[in-house]
Amino acid sequence: MAGHIRCAEEGAVAWVTLSHPGKFNAMSRGMWRELKALFLDLPGRSHLRCVVVQGDAGHFCAGGDIAEYPDFRFDEASLRDFHENDVWGGLSAMLDCDIPVVAAIEGNCMGAGVELASCCDLRLAGQSARFGAPIARLGFPMAPREAQLVATAVGDLSAREMLLAAAVLPAGLMLQRGFLSSVVPDAAVADEARALAARVSTLAPLTARVHKQTLRALGPLNPLGPTPAMATLLERAYAYAPDAEHREGIAAFLAKRPPEFQSNQT
């Protein structure tokens, strides 16, 4: 069954649910496009005062849908299109949303899941939630703007552990490091998210939207465009597309075997 993004409204709160049955809500290419369309539409719903992003069936999001990757990842142009248009299109639509966004995180929050959570203003998690971006096992790096987003949100140490050591970090540690605003019993995540959304919804909605605009303009992910250094990175960011290491990492994952990376692969 293909994944999709659901949206249901409860009064002034929109509940956005990531759903990809059997894949811990891994983001398919279609889901990224649905996410972008939804978050471009939500700010126009003037009655909304809060958005809650959650995953289906006890997990937030386990990353990207790797089964799709052989279709487009090994060509530089199609890889660039995926990251810069599909993925960054969805993430930037979330970042540009002027309505306060809450992440309600359960279970796996990996790779794309960390990126999605990083776009949210407030993040709460269940005590057994796990966070990471172990894509070094798959033979490819995180795209530059996505890495900037994650490093800004999780902090330099957590980003380096996730990307360089494929570390999977527990919710308690992510709370200590400032990524999460609270950690609650797993069974209480939905109720806590609902209570937080209700509290946000009682506050002045125009003020909230102005605050989001101000914080976005002042923050490192400024919408005015990439810095010169980021622009340089983006020029060569996807040249690794046809590399043997990239192909081996994805092939090994799909075959459910350990990857065999060779130092002389080109």
Protein backbone atom coordinates (compact mmCIF):
# COMPACT_ATOMS: atom_id res chain seq x y z
CA MET A 1 0.00 0.00 0.00
CA ALA A 2 1.38 3.41 -0.98
CA GLY A 3 1.95 5.98 1.73
CA HIS A 4 -0.07 9.14 2.07
CA ILE A 5 -0.58 12.22 4.24
CA ARG A 6 -3.89 12.58 6.08
CA CYS A 7 -5.27 15.80 7.52
CA ALA A 8 -8.22 16.07 9.88
CA GLU A 9 -9.42 19.19 11.66
CA GLU A 10 -10.64 19.39 15.24
CA GLY A 11 -11.87 22.93 15.69
CA ALA A 12 -8.86 25.24 15.40
CA VAL A 13 -6.35 22.36 15.26
CA ALA A 14 -5.28 20.45 12.14
CA TRP A 15 -3.97 16.92 12.76
CA VAL A 16 -1.53 15.89 10.02
CA THR A 17 -0.79 12.16 10.01
CA LEU A 18 2.08 10.48 8.17
CA SER A 19 0.83 7.06 7.06
CA HIS A 20 2.74 4.34 5.23
CA PRO A 21 1.55 0.97 6.54
CA GLY A 22 4.22 -1.68 6.93
CA LYS A 23 7.08 0.82 6.57
CA PHE A 24 6.88 2.75 9.85
CA ASN A 25 5.55 5.73 7.85
CA ALA A 26 8.65 6.08 5.66
CA MET A 27 8.24 9.02 3.30
CA SER A 28 7.59 8.10 -0.33
CA ARG A 29 8.14 10.58 -3.14
CA GLY A 30 4.37 11.02 -3.41
CA MET A 31 4.13 11.75 0.31
CA TRP A 32 6.69 14.57 0.03
CA ARG A 33 4.57 16.14 -2.72
CA GLU A 34 1.39 15.71 -0.68
CA LEU A 35 3.12 17.30 2.32
CA LYS A 36 4.13 20.34 0.27
CA ALA A 37 0.64 20.83 -1.14
CA LEU A 38 -0.93 20.51 2.31
CA PHE A 39 1.40 22.95 4.06
CA LEU A 40 1.01 25.49 1.27
CA ASP A 41 -2.75 25.27 1.82
CA LEU A 42 -2.94 25.28 5.63
CA PRO A 43 -1.95 28.94 6.22
CA GLY A 44 -4.94 30.02 4.14
CA ARG A 45 -7.31 28.36 6.60
CA SER A 46 -7.77 31.40 8.82
CA HIS A 47 -9.63 29.48 11.52
CA LEU A 48 -6.61 27.26 12.29
CA ARG A 49 -4.43 28.13 15.26
CA CYS A 50 -2.23 25.04 15.55
CA VAL A 51 -1.06 22.09 13.46
CA VAL A 52 -0.05 18.76 15.02
CA VAL A 53 2.14 16.40 12.97
CA GLN A 54 2.10 12.76 14.03
CA GLY A 55 2.76 9.30 12.62
CA ASP A 56 0.39 6.41 12.21
CA ALA A 57 0.35 3.19 14.26
CA GLY A 58 2.84 4.06 17.00
CA HIS A 59 5.70 5.46 14.92
CA PHE A 60 6.53 8.95 13.65
CA CYS A 61 8.59 8.32 10.50
CA ALA A 62 11.38 5.81 9.84
CA GLY A 63 13.04 7.83 7.04
CA GLY A 64 12.61 7.64 3.29
CA ASP A 65 11.03 4.83 1.31
CA ILE A 66 14.23 3.11 0.20
CA ALA A 67 12.35 0.71 -2.09
CA GLU A 68 11.83 3.68 -4.43
CA TYR A 69 15.47 4.79 -4.47
CA PRO A 70 16.82 2.66 -7.36
CA ASP A 71 14.33 4.43 -9.64
CA PHE A 72 16.02 7.82 -9.38
CA ARG A 73 18.97 8.03 -6.98
CA PHE A 74 21.78 6.92 -9.30
CA ASP A 75 21.45 9.79 -11.77
CA GLU A 76 22.70 13.21 -10.61
CA ALA A 77 19.91 15.22 -12.21
CA SER A 78 17.07 13.06 -10.91
CA LEU A 79 18.69 12.86 -7.47
CA ARG A 80 18.95 16.65 -7.34
CA ASP A 81 15.31 16.95 -8.42
CA PHE A 82 14.22 14.60 -5.64
CA HIS A 83 16.05 16.45 -2.86
CA GLU A 84 15.67 20.03 -4.04
CA ASN A 85 12.08 19.83 -5.30
CA ASP A 86 10.31 16.94 -3.57
CA VAL A 87 12.04 16.77 -0.18
CA TRP A 88 13.03 20.41 0.25
CA GLY A 89 9.71 21.45 -1.27
CA GLY A 90 7.88 19.67 1.54
CA LEU A 91 10.25 20.78 4.28
CA SER A 92 10.34 24.42 3.18
CA ALA A 93 6.53 24.50 3.02
CA MET A 94 6.51 23.39 6.66
CA LEU A 95 9.14 25.96 7.60
CA ASP A 96 7.20 28.72 5.85
CA CYS A 97 3.90 27.84 7.56
CA ASP A 98 2.88 30.73 9.83
CA ILE A 99 0.69 28.55 12.04
CA PRO A 100 2.42 27.04 15.12
CA VAL A 101 3.35 23.40 14.41
CA VAL A 102 3.67 20.72 17.09
CA ALA A 103 5.39 17.36 16.53
CA ALA A 104 3.92 14.41 18.46
CA ILE A 105 6.65 11.77 18.17
CA GLU A 106 6.32 8.07 18.89
CA GLY A 107 8.59 5.15 18.10
CA ASN A 108 10.98 5.55 15.17
CA CYS A 109 12.00 9.07 14.19
CA MET A 110 14.80 8.48 11.69
CA GLY A 111 16.29 10.38 8.77
CA ALA A 112 13.36 12.08 7.07
CA GLY A 113 11.51 11.82 10.40
CA VAL A 114 14.17 13.93 12.12
CA GLU A 115 13.98 16.41 9.24
CA LEU A 116 10.20 16.67 9.55
CA ALA A 117 10.38 17.06 13.33
CA SER A 118 13.05 19.74 12.88
CA CYS A 119 10.53 21.83 10.95
CA CYS A 120 8.14 21.89 13.90
CA ASP A 121 8.08 24.66 16.50
CA LEU A 122 7.42 22.45 19.53
CA ARG A 123 8.30 18.77 19.86
CA LEU A 124 7.13 16.23 22.42
CA ALA A 125 7.90 12.53 22.38
CA GLY A 126 7.07 9.25 24.02
CA GLN A 127 9.72 7.84 26.33
CA SER A 128 10.59 4.99 23.94
CA ALA A 129 10.98 7.21 20.85
CA ARG A 130 14.33 6.87 19.04
CA PHE A 131 16.10 9.46 16.90
CA GLY A 132 18.78 9.07 14.26
CA ALA A 133 19.87 9.45 10.64
CA PRO A 134 21.99 6.33 9.97
CA ILE A 135 22.31 6.96 6.23
CA ALA A 136 26.07 6.35 6.37
CA ARG A 137 25.04 2.69 6.30
CA LEU A 138 23.31 3.35 3.00
CA GLY A 139 26.29 4.93 1.29
CA PHE A 140 25.03 8.47 0.80
CA PRO A 141 25.15 11.80 2.66
CA MET A 142 22.33 14.01 3.86
CA ALA A 143 21.58 16.77 1.36
CA PRO A 144 23.12 20.14 2.34
CA ARG A 145 19.99 22.09 3.21
CA GLU A 146 18.52 19.10 5.02
CA ALA A 147 21.76 18.74 7.02
CA GLN A 148 21.66 22.44 7.89
CA LEU A 149 18.07 22.08 9.05
CA VAL A 150 18.83 19.05 11.23
CA ALA A 151 22.05 20.43 12.71
CA THR A 152 20.29 23.68 13.60
CA ALA A 153 17.48 21.84 15.37
CA VAL A 154 19.24 18.92 17.08
CA GLY A 155 22.56 20.66 17.76
CA ASP A 156 26.05 20.07 16.44
CA LEU A 157 26.93 17.11 18.70
CA SER A 158 23.74 15.18 17.99
CA ALA A 159 24.03 15.85 14.26
CA ARG A 160 27.61 14.59 14.18
CA GLU A 161 26.71 11.47 16.18
CA MET A 162 23.78 10.72 13.88
CA LEU A 163 25.62 11.35 10.61
CA LEU A 164 29.18 10.24 11.39
CA ALA A 165 28.56 7.36 13.82
CA ALA A 166 25.05 6.31 12.73
CA ALA A 167 24.01 6.81 16.36
CA VAL A 168 20.42 6.24 17.44
CA LEU A 169 19.64 8.50 20.38
CA PRO A 170 16.91 8.00 23.01
CA ALA A 171 14.20 10.52 23.77
CA GLY A 172 15.59 11.33 27.21
CA LEU A 173 18.92 12.40 25.74
CA MET A 174 17.22 14.48 23.04
CA LEU A 175 15.27 16.21 25.81
CA GLN A 176 18.49 16.99 27.68
CA ARG A 177 20.05 18.38 24.50
CA GLY A 178 17.12 20.70 23.84
CA PHE A 179 15.55 19.09 20.79
CA LEU A 180 12.40 18.05 22.67
CA SER A 181 10.23 20.23 24.89
CA SER A 182 8.94 17.23 26.85
CA VAL A 183 9.06 13.44 27.11
CA VAL A 184 5.95 11.63 28.32
CA PRO A 185 4.81 8.02 28.73
CA ASP A 186 4.20 6.44 25.34
CA ALA A 187 0.48 6.07 25.98
CA ALA A 188 0.16 9.78 26.78
CA VAL A 189 1.66 11.26 23.59
CA ALA A 190 -1.64 11.97 21.82
CA ASP A 191 -3.26 13.44 24.93
CA GLU A 192 -0.24 15.63 25.67
CA ALA A 193 -0.17 16.85 22.07
CA ARG A 194 -3.87 17.64 22.23
CA ALA A 195 -3.40 19.58 25.48
CA LEU A 196 -0.46 21.53 24.03
CA ALA A 197 -2.38 22.32 20.85
CA ALA A 198 -5.34 23.49 22.94
CA ARG A 199 -3.07 25.80 24.93
CA VAL A 200 -1.52 27.26 21.78
CA SER A 201 -4.98 27.71 20.29
CA THR A 202 -6.12 29.94 23.18
CA LEU A 203 -3.44 32.52 22.36
CA ALA A 204 -3.70 35.41 19.91
CA PRO A 205 -3.53 33.86 16.42
CA LEU A 206 -2.24 36.93 14.57
CA THR A 207 0.49 37.37 17.17
CA ALA A 208 1.52 33.74 16.71
CA ARG A 209 1.81 34.19 12.95
CA VAL A 210 3.88 37.36 13.33
CA HIS A 211 6.14 35.63 15.84
CA LYS A 212 6.74 32.80 13.36
CA GLN A 213 7.57 35.27 10.60
CA THR A 214 9.99 37.09 12.92
CA LEU A 215 11.73 33.93 14.12
CA ARG A 216 12.03 32.66 10.54
CA ALA A 217 13.58 35.92 9.36
CA LEU A 218 16.06 36.01 12.25
CA GLY A 219 17.01 32.34 12.20
CA PRO A 220 19.75 30.50 10.28
CA LEU A 221 17.23 29.06 7.80
CA ASN A 222 16.45 32.50 6.41
CA PRO A 223 13.98 32.37 3.49
CA LEU A 224 15.97 34.97 1.52
CA GLY A 225 18.01 32.16 0.00
CA PRO A 226 21.20 30.14 0.51
CA THR A 227 24.43 31.72 1.69
CA PRO A 228 27.39 31.72 -0.73
CA ALA A 229 28.83 28.69 1.07
CA MET A 230 25.55 26.81 0.79
CA ALA A 231 25.22 27.75 -2.87
CA THR A 232 28.68 26.26 -3.50
CA LEU A 233 27.69 23.06 -1.70
CA LEU A 234 24.51 22.78 -3.71
CA GLU A 235 26.42 22.99 -6.98
CA ARG A 236 28.19 19.68 -6.33
CA ALA A 237 25.94 18.10 -3.73
CA TYR A 238 24.57 15.30 -5.92
CA ALA A 239 27.59 14.35 -8.00
CA TYR A 240 27.87 11.12 -5.96
CA ALA A 241 24.68 9.79 -7.58
CA PRO A 242 26.32 7.10 -9.82
CA ASP A 243 29.02 6.09 -7.30
CA ALA A 244 29.48 2.42 -6.42
CA GLU A 245 29.29 3.17 -2.70
CA HIS A 246 25.87 4.74 -3.15
CA ARG A 247 24.61 1.77 -5.17
CA GLU A 248 26.05 -0.77 -2.71
CA GLY A 249 24.45 0.83 0.34
CA ILE A 250 20.98 0.84 -1.13
CA ALA A 251 21.33 -2.60 -2.73
CA ALA A 252 22.45 -4.08 0.60
CA PHE A 253 19.52 -2.54 2.46
CA LEU A 254 17.01 -3.86 -0.06
CA ALA A 255 18.65 -7.30 0.01
CA LYS A 256 18.66 -7.25 3.83
CA ARG A 257 22.41 -7.86 4.05
CA PRO A 258 25.33 -5.87 5.50
CA PRO A 259 26.88 -3.44 3.00
CA GLU A 260 30.43 -4.01 1.82
CA PHE A 261 32.00 -0.62 1.22
CA GLN A 262 35.36 -0.64 -0.54
CA SER A 263 37.78 2.24 0.02
CA ASN A 264 38.68 2.33 -3.68
CA GLN A 265 35.10 2.52 -4.99
CA THR A 266 34.48 5.37 -7.40
